[in-house]
């Protein structure tokens, strides 16, 4: 069984972690988490910039929990999502929560643009789902690791465990030069997680089960 993690409250967040939002959006995020019976557990590193990855990602429900957590804790986490999702009222909510529309047909450009945004201007955390799909990816997209290495940023691993009904902040890794070694450490941190659709696990995670 995985480690028992303490609930995360705004008082537990260090002063260097970037914040955004208002009392109203924070109330909305906490209200959604209460309504669906989920909680956020674990601890965040007290750093102004970081790369946060969420895996496994097997359901749109993960996004609901994640956005509610970001709003409830007033975290400035900018996450990339398909540009087609940013239409109408849903698009307005995604942008308010820190969503950045991306065209996945130009992955190299996305990495370069994101690296440039992180390196300059006001600090924020970058949120990424490295599997890139909810339907059992054959491999992870590794742009997040490249960004973290080049900018000397920590990688914060977050997951959504449906057995516990928790958004769990599992580990903070400072990546080295060995991509495969770092990926294996991240995969191992996710061994005890129950996603909403286990049959949709990406190949690297399924291999360990």
C-alpha atoms as a PDB file:
ATOM      1  CA  UNK A   1       0.000   0.000   0.000  1.00  0.00           C
ATOM      2  CA  UNK A   2       1.137   3.543  -0.681  1.00  0.00           C
ATOM      3  CA  UNK A   3       2.039   6.038   1.986  1.00  0.00           C
ATOM      4  CA  UNK A   4      -0.729   7.802   3.867  1.00  0.00           C
ATOM      5  CA  UNK A   5      -0.638  11.477   2.937  1.00  0.00           C
ATOM      6  CA  UNK A   6      -1.984  14.370   4.987  1.00  0.00           C
ATOM      7  CA  UNK A   7      -4.692  16.676   3.571  1.00  0.00           C
ATOM      8  CA  UNK A   8      -3.312  19.788   1.879  1.00  0.00           C
ATOM      9  CA  UNK A   9      -4.756  23.148   2.965  1.00  0.00           C
ATOM     10  CA  UNK A  10      -3.874  26.695   1.825  1.00  0.00           C
ATOM     11  CA  UNK A  11      -2.013  27.182   5.120  1.00  0.00           C
ATOM     12  CA  UNK A  12       0.368  24.349   4.164  1.00  0.00           C
ATOM     13  CA  UNK A  13       1.524  26.053   0.961  1.00  0.00           C
ATOM     14  CA  UNK A  14       4.866  27.877   1.109  1.00  0.00           C
ATOM     15  CA  UNK A  15       5.204  31.597   0.334  1.00  0.00           C
ATOM     16  CA  UNK A  16       7.195  31.070  -2.875  1.00  0.00           C
ATOM     17  CA  UNK A  17       4.534  28.911  -4.550  1.00  0.00           C
ATOM     18  CA  UNK A  18       2.774  31.125  -7.158  1.00  0.00           C
ATOM     19  CA  UNK A  19      -0.868  31.892  -6.394  1.00  0.00           C
ATOM     20  CA  UNK A  20      -3.788  33.276  -8.361  1.00  0.00           C
ATOM     21  CA  UNK A  21      -7.563  33.478  -8.224  1.00  0.00           C
ATOM     22  CA  UNK A  22      -9.967  35.015  -5.735  1.00  0.00           C
ATOM     23  CA  UNK A  23     -11.934  34.100  -2.641  1.00  0.00           C
ATOM     24  CA  UNK A  24     -14.915  33.376  -4.885  1.00  0.00           C
ATOM     25  CA  UNK A  25     -13.101  30.936  -7.180  1.00  0.00           C
ATOM     26  CA  UNK A  26     -11.433  29.297  -4.156  1.00  0.00           C
ATOM     27  CA  UNK A  27     -14.854  28.764  -2.568  1.00  0.00           C
ATOM     28  CA  UNK A  28     -16.138  27.290  -5.842  1.00  0.00           C
ATOM     29  CA  UNK A  29     -13.231  24.856  -6.102  1.00  0.00           C
ATOM     30  CA  UNK A  30     -13.625  23.670  -2.508  1.00  0.00           C
ATOM     31  CA  UNK A  31     -17.394  23.351  -2.971  1.00  0.00           C
ATOM     32  CA  UNK A  32     -16.925  21.104  -5.999  1.00  0.00           C
ATOM     33  CA  UNK A  33     -14.463  18.875  -4.137  1.00  0.00           C
ATOM     34  CA  UNK A  34     -16.876  18.551  -1.199  1.00  0.00           C
ATOM     35  CA  UNK A  35     -19.787  17.788  -3.513  1.00  0.00           C
ATOM     36  CA  UNK A  36     -17.964  14.948  -5.268  1.00  0.00           C
ATOM     37  CA  UNK A  37     -16.344  13.652  -2.059  1.00  0.00           C
ATOM     38  CA  UNK A  38     -12.692  14.176  -3.041  1.00  0.00           C
ATOM     39  CA  UNK A  39      -9.760  15.722  -1.204  1.00  0.00           C
ATOM     40  CA  UNK A  40      -6.242  16.895  -2.020  1.00  0.00           C
ATOM     41  CA  UNK A  41      -3.426  15.252  -0.040  1.00  0.00           C
ATOM     42  CA  UNK A  42       0.350  15.550   0.082  1.00  0.00           C
ATOM     43  CA  UNK A  43       2.756  18.481   0.168  1.00  0.00           C
ATOM     44  CA  UNK A  44       4.028  20.930  -2.443  1.00  0.00           C
ATOM     45  CA  UNK A  45       7.651  22.078  -2.684  1.00  0.00           C
ATOM     46  CA  UNK A  46       8.115  25.763  -1.840  1.00  0.00           C
ATOM     47  CA  UNK A  47       9.458  26.851  -5.238  1.00  0.00           C
ATOM     48  CA  UNK A  48       8.322  29.604  -7.649  1.00  0.00           C
ATOM     49  CA  UNK A  49       8.533  27.447 -10.786  1.00  0.00           C
ATOM     50  CA  UNK A  50       7.984  23.728 -11.288  1.00  0.00           C
ATOM     51  CA  UNK A  51       6.715  21.187 -13.787  1.00  0.00           C
ATOM     52  CA  UNK A  52       3.723  19.271 -12.422  1.00  0.00           C
ATOM     53  CA  UNK A  53       2.742  16.066 -14.196  1.00  0.00           C
ATOM     54  CA  UNK A  54      -0.556  14.226 -13.677  1.00  0.00           C
ATOM     55  CA  UNK A  55      -0.812  10.502 -14.442  1.00  0.00           C
ATOM     56  CA  UNK A  56      -2.396   8.145 -15.118  1.00  0.00           C
ATOM     57  CA  UNK A  57      -4.974  10.122 -17.103  1.00  0.00           C
ATOM     58  CA  UNK A  58      -7.839   7.830 -18.120  1.00  0.00           C
ATOM     59  CA  UNK A  59     -10.959  10.012 -17.793  1.00  0.00           C
ATOM     60  CA  UNK A  60     -12.251  13.552 -18.275  1.00  0.00           C
ATOM     61  CA  UNK A  61     -13.286  13.334 -14.617  1.00  0.00           C
ATOM     62  CA  UNK A  62      -9.591  13.732 -13.743  1.00  0.00           C
ATOM     63  CA  UNK A  63      -9.798  17.226 -15.196  1.00  0.00           C
ATOM     64  CA  UNK A  64     -12.809  18.127 -13.049  1.00  0.00           C
ATOM     65  CA  UNK A  65     -10.958  17.089  -9.888  1.00  0.00           C
ATOM     66  CA  UNK A  66      -7.756  18.804 -10.983  1.00  0.00           C
ATOM     67  CA  UNK A  67      -9.395  22.123 -11.860  1.00  0.00           C
ATOM     68  CA  UNK A  68     -11.390  22.115  -8.601  1.00  0.00           C
ATOM     69  CA  UNK A  69      -8.161  21.508  -6.652  1.00  0.00           C
ATOM     70  CA  UNK A  70      -6.297  24.306  -8.465  1.00  0.00           C
ATOM     71  CA  UNK A  71      -9.127  26.750  -7.835  1.00  0.00           C
ATOM     72  CA  UNK A  72      -9.669  25.655  -4.232  1.00  0.00           C
ATOM     73  CA  UNK A  73      -5.999  26.098  -3.311  1.00  0.00           C
ATOM     74  CA  UNK A  74      -5.561  29.230  -5.470  1.00  0.00           C
ATOM     75  CA  UNK A  75      -2.528  27.781  -7.220  1.00  0.00           C
ATOM     76  CA  UNK A  76      -1.077  29.392 -10.333  1.00  0.00           C
ATOM     77  CA  UNK A  77      -0.723  26.226 -12.377  1.00  0.00           C
ATOM     78  CA  UNK A  78      -0.973  26.697 -16.133  1.00  0.00           C
ATOM     79  CA  UNK A  79      -1.906  23.491 -17.896  1.00  0.00           C
ATOM     80  CA  UNK A  80      -1.925  22.631 -21.570  1.00  0.00           C
ATOM     81  CA  UNK A  81      -5.072  21.236 -23.160  1.00  0.00           C
ATOM     82  CA  UNK A  82      -6.326  20.622 -26.681  1.00  0.00           C
ATOM     83  CA  UNK A  83      -7.300  23.891 -28.358  1.00  0.00           C
ATOM     84  CA  UNK A  84     -10.652  22.364 -29.352  1.00  0.00           C
ATOM     85  CA  UNK A  85     -11.716  22.330 -25.675  1.00  0.00           C
ATOM     86  CA  UNK A  86     -11.518  26.119 -25.373  1.00  0.00           C
ATOM     87  CA  UNK A  87     -14.916  26.870 -26.869  1.00  0.00           C
ATOM     88  CA  UNK A  88     -17.911  28.447 -25.204  1.00  0.00           C
ATOM     89  CA  UNK A  89     -18.462  28.501 -21.409  1.00  0.00           C
ATOM     90  CA  UNK A  90     -16.210  25.472 -20.834  1.00  0.00           C
ATOM     91  CA  UNK A  91     -13.367  27.333 -22.507  1.00  0.00           C
ATOM     92  CA  UNK A  92     -13.888  30.336 -20.249  1.00  0.00           C
ATOM     93  CA  UNK A  93     -13.660  28.098 -17.168  1.00  0.00           C
ATOM     94  CA  UNK A  94     -10.528  26.383 -18.477  1.00  0.00           C
ATOM     95  CA  UNK A  95      -8.808  29.715 -19.063  1.00  0.00           C
ATOM     96  CA  UNK A  96      -9.828  30.985 -15.610  1.00  0.00           C
ATOM     97  CA  UNK A  97      -8.267  27.879 -14.066  1.00  0.00           C
ATOM     98  CA  UNK A  98      -4.990  28.376 -15.966  1.00  0.00           C
ATOM     99  CA  UNK A  99      -5.633  26.463 -19.181  1.00  0.00           C
ATOM    100  CA  UNK A 100      -3.417  27.166 -22.186  1.00  0.00           C
ATOM    101  CA  UNK A 101      -4.757  25.961 -25.575  1.00  0.00           C
ATOM    102  CA  UNK A 102      -2.217  24.028 -27.647  1.00  0.00           C
ATOM    103  CA  UNK A 103      -2.254  22.476 -31.081  1.00  0.00           C
ATOM    104  CA  UNK A 104      -0.761  19.023 -30.593  1.00  0.00           C
ATOM    105  CA  UNK A 105       0.066  18.748 -34.277  1.00  0.00           C
ATOM    106  CA  UNK A 106       3.153  20.886 -33.598  1.00  0.00           C
ATOM    107  CA  UNK A 107       4.702  19.239 -30.478  1.00  0.00           C
ATOM    108  CA  UNK A 108       8.189  20.696 -30.962  1.00  0.00           C
ATOM    109  CA  UNK A 109       6.752  24.199 -31.131  1.00  0.00           C
ATOM    110  CA  UNK A 110       4.665  23.605 -28.019  1.00  0.00           C
ATOM    111  CA  UNK A 111       7.738  22.642 -25.986  1.00  0.00           C
ATOM    112  CA  UNK A 112       9.687  25.679 -27.205  1.00  0.00           C
ATOM    113  CA  UNK A 113       6.799  28.074 -26.531  1.00  0.00           C
ATOM    114  CA  UNK A 114       6.232  26.652 -23.055  1.00  0.00           C
ATOM    115  CA  UNK A 115       9.918  26.784 -22.162  1.00  0.00           C
ATOM    116  CA  UNK A 116      10.004  30.435 -23.177  1.00  0.00           C
ATOM    117  CA  UNK A 117       6.940  31.252 -21.039  1.00  0.00           C
ATOM    118  CA  UNK A 118       8.407  29.517 -17.979  1.00  0.00           C
ATOM    119  CA  UNK A 119      11.804  31.145 -18.326  1.00  0.00           C
ATOM    120  CA  UNK A 120      10.558  34.747 -18.318  1.00  0.00           C
ATOM    121  CA  UNK A 121       7.883  36.919 -16.774  1.00  0.00           C
ATOM    122  CA  UNK A 122       5.905  36.122 -13.649  1.00  0.00           C
ATOM    123  CA  UNK A 123       6.536  32.693 -12.111  1.00  0.00           C
ATOM    124  CA  UNK A 124       4.005  29.897 -12.481  1.00  0.00           C
ATOM    125  CA  UNK A 125       3.899  26.111 -12.418  1.00  0.00           C
ATOM    126  CA  UNK A 126       3.374  24.139 -15.613  1.00  0.00           C
ATOM    127  CA  UNK A 127       0.866  21.276 -15.506  1.00  0.00           C
ATOM    128  CA  UNK A 128       1.135  18.452 -18.062  1.00  0.00           C
ATOM    129  CA  UNK A 129      -0.479  15.046 -18.658  1.00  0.00           C
ATOM    130  CA  UNK A 130       2.498  13.238 -20.221  1.00  0.00           C
ATOM    131  CA  UNK A 131       0.460  10.333 -21.579  1.00  0.00           C
ATOM    132  CA  UNK A 132      -1.152  12.775 -24.023  1.00  0.00           C
ATOM    133  CA  UNK A 133      -4.356  10.729 -24.300  1.00  0.00           C
ATOM    134  CA  UNK A 134      -6.945   9.020 -22.093  1.00  0.00           C
ATOM    135  CA  UNK A 135      -6.888   5.836 -24.166  1.00  0.00           C
ATOM    136  CA  UNK A 136      -3.796   3.806 -23.319  1.00  0.00           C
ATOM    137  CA  UNK A 137      -0.824   5.569 -24.872  1.00  0.00           C
ATOM    138  CA  UNK A 138       2.028   3.377 -26.047  1.00  0.00           C
ATOM    139  CA  UNK A 139       4.588   5.723 -24.511  1.00  0.00           C
ATOM    140  CA  UNK A 140       4.792   9.016 -22.619  1.00  0.00           C
ATOM    141  CA  UNK A 141       5.553  12.348 -24.242  1.00  0.00           C
ATOM    142  CA  UNK A 142       8.827  13.477 -22.665  1.00  0.00           C
ATOM    143  CA  UNK A 143       8.811  17.209 -23.378  1.00  0.00           C
ATOM    144  CA  UNK A 144       8.085  17.838 -19.691  1.00  0.00           C
ATOM    145  CA  UNK A 145      11.411  16.243 -18.752  1.00  0.00           C
ATOM    146  CA  UNK A 146      13.306  18.256 -21.355  1.00  0.00           C
ATOM    147  CA  UNK A 147      11.805  21.496 -20.034  1.00  0.00           C
ATOM    148  CA  UNK A 148      12.594  20.571 -16.408  1.00  0.00           C
ATOM    149  CA  UNK A 149      16.210  19.669 -17.197  1.00  0.00           C
ATOM    150  CA  UNK A 150      16.915  22.724 -19.343  1.00  0.00           C
ATOM    151  CA  UNK A 151      15.421  25.149 -16.797  1.00  0.00           C
ATOM    152  CA  UNK A 152      16.626  23.229 -13.687  1.00  0.00           C
ATOM    153  CA  UNK A 153      13.065  22.788 -12.356  1.00  0.00           C
ATOM    154  CA  UNK A 154      11.647  20.084 -10.101  1.00  0.00           C
ATOM    155  CA  UNK A 155       9.039  17.637 -11.411  1.00  0.00           C
ATOM    156  CA  UNK A 156       6.052  17.279  -9.072  1.00  0.00           C
ATOM    157  CA  UNK A 157       4.092  14.037  -9.588  1.00  0.00           C
ATOM    158  CA  UNK A 158       0.328  14.178  -9.009  1.00  0.00           C
ATOM    159  CA  UNK A 159      -2.236  11.446  -9.486  1.00  0.00           C
ATOM    160  CA  UNK A 160      -5.980  10.864  -9.131  1.00  0.00           C
ATOM    161  CA  UNK A 161      -6.713   7.740  -7.099  1.00  0.00           C
ATOM    162  CA  UNK A 162     -10.327   6.610  -7.426  1.00  0.00           C
ATOM    163  CA  UNK A 163      -9.999   3.972  -4.724  1.00  0.00           C
ATOM    164  CA  UNK A 164      -9.152   6.664  -2.166  1.00  0.00           C
ATOM    165  CA  UNK A 165     -11.011   9.530  -3.914  1.00  0.00           C
ATOM    166  CA  UNK A 166      -7.899  11.665  -3.561  1.00  0.00           C
ATOM    167  CA  UNK A 167      -5.840  13.970  -5.721  1.00  0.00           C
ATOM    168  CA  UNK A 168      -2.449  12.821  -4.410  1.00  0.00           C
ATOM    169  CA  UNK A 169       0.794  14.821  -4.571  1.00  0.00           C
ATOM    170  CA  UNK A 170       3.220  11.905  -4.522  1.00  0.00           C
ATOM    171  CA  UNK A 171       6.808  12.946  -5.164  1.00  0.00           C
ATOM    172  CA  UNK A 172       9.035  15.838  -6.148  1.00  0.00           C
ATOM    173  CA  UNK A 173      11.894  14.789  -8.439  1.00  0.00           C
ATOM    174  CA  UNK A 174      14.892  16.860  -9.467  1.00  0.00           C
ATOM    175  CA  UNK A 175      15.594  15.306 -12.866  1.00  0.00           C
ATOM    176  CA  UNK A 176      19.061  14.271 -13.939  1.00  0.00           C
ATOM    177  CA  UNK A 177      20.558  13.560 -17.325  1.00  0.00           C
ATOM    178  CA  UNK A 178      19.222  10.002 -17.599  1.00  0.00           C
ATOM    179  CA  UNK A 179      15.701  10.205 -19.018  1.00  0.00           C
ATOM    180  CA  UNK A 180      14.917   6.489 -18.721  1.00  0.00           C
ATOM    181  CA  UNK A 181      16.078   6.342 -15.107  1.00  0.00           C
ATOM    182  CA  UNK A 182      13.929   9.342 -14.187  1.00  0.00           C
ATOM    183  CA  UNK A 183      10.907   7.902 -15.992  1.00  0.00           C
ATOM    184  CA  UNK A 184      11.225   4.586 -14.176  1.00  0.00           C
ATOM    185  CA  UNK A 185      11.288   6.413 -10.824  1.00  0.00           C
ATOM    186  CA  UNK A 186       8.127   8.278 -11.780  1.00  0.00           C
ATOM    187  CA  UNK A 187       6.386   5.107 -12.983  1.00  0.00           C
ATOM    188  CA  UNK A 188       7.270   3.416  -9.681  1.00  0.00           C
ATOM    189  CA  UNK A 189       5.651   6.252  -7.694  1.00  0.00           C
ATOM    190  CA  UNK A 190       2.373   5.464  -9.486  1.00  0.00           C
ATOM    191  CA  UNK A 191       2.286   1.732  -8.737  1.00  0.00           C
ATOM    192  CA  UNK A 192      -0.343   1.992  -5.986  1.00  0.00           C
ATOM    193  CA  UNK A 193      -2.753   4.281  -7.851  1.00  0.00           C
ATOM    194  CA  UNK A 194      -6.196   3.167  -9.026  1.00  0.00           C
ATOM    195  CA  UNK A 195      -7.341   5.194 -12.062  1.00  0.00           C
ATOM    196  CA  UNK A 196     -10.962   5.478 -13.111  1.00  0.00           C
ATOM    197  CA  UNK A 197     -10.399   3.188 -16.103  1.00  0.00           C
ATOM    198  CA  UNK A 198      -7.523   0.762 -15.376  1.00  0.00           C
ATOM    199  CA  UNK A 199      -7.932  -0.791 -18.816  1.00  0.00           C
ATOM    200  CA  UNK A 200      -6.804   2.538 -20.321  1.00  0.00           C
ATOM    201  CA  UNK A 201      -3.461   2.668 -18.530  1.00  0.00           C
ATOM    202  CA  UNK A 202      -0.554   3.707 -20.740  1.00  0.00           C
ATOM    203  CA  UNK A 203       1.854   0.936 -21.703  1.00  0.00           C
ATOM    204  CA  UNK A 204       4.702   1.971 -19.316  1.00  0.00           C
ATOM    205  CA  UNK A 205       2.347   1.845 -16.305  1.00  0.00           C
ATOM    206  CA  UNK A 206       0.562  -1.299 -17.438  1.00  0.00           C
ATOM    207  CA  UNK A 207       3.922  -3.053 -17.787  1.00  0.00           C
ATOM    208  CA  UNK A 208       4.494  -2.686 -14.022  1.00  0.00           C
ATOM    209  CA  UNK A 209       1.173  -4.262 -12.975  1.00  0.00           C
END
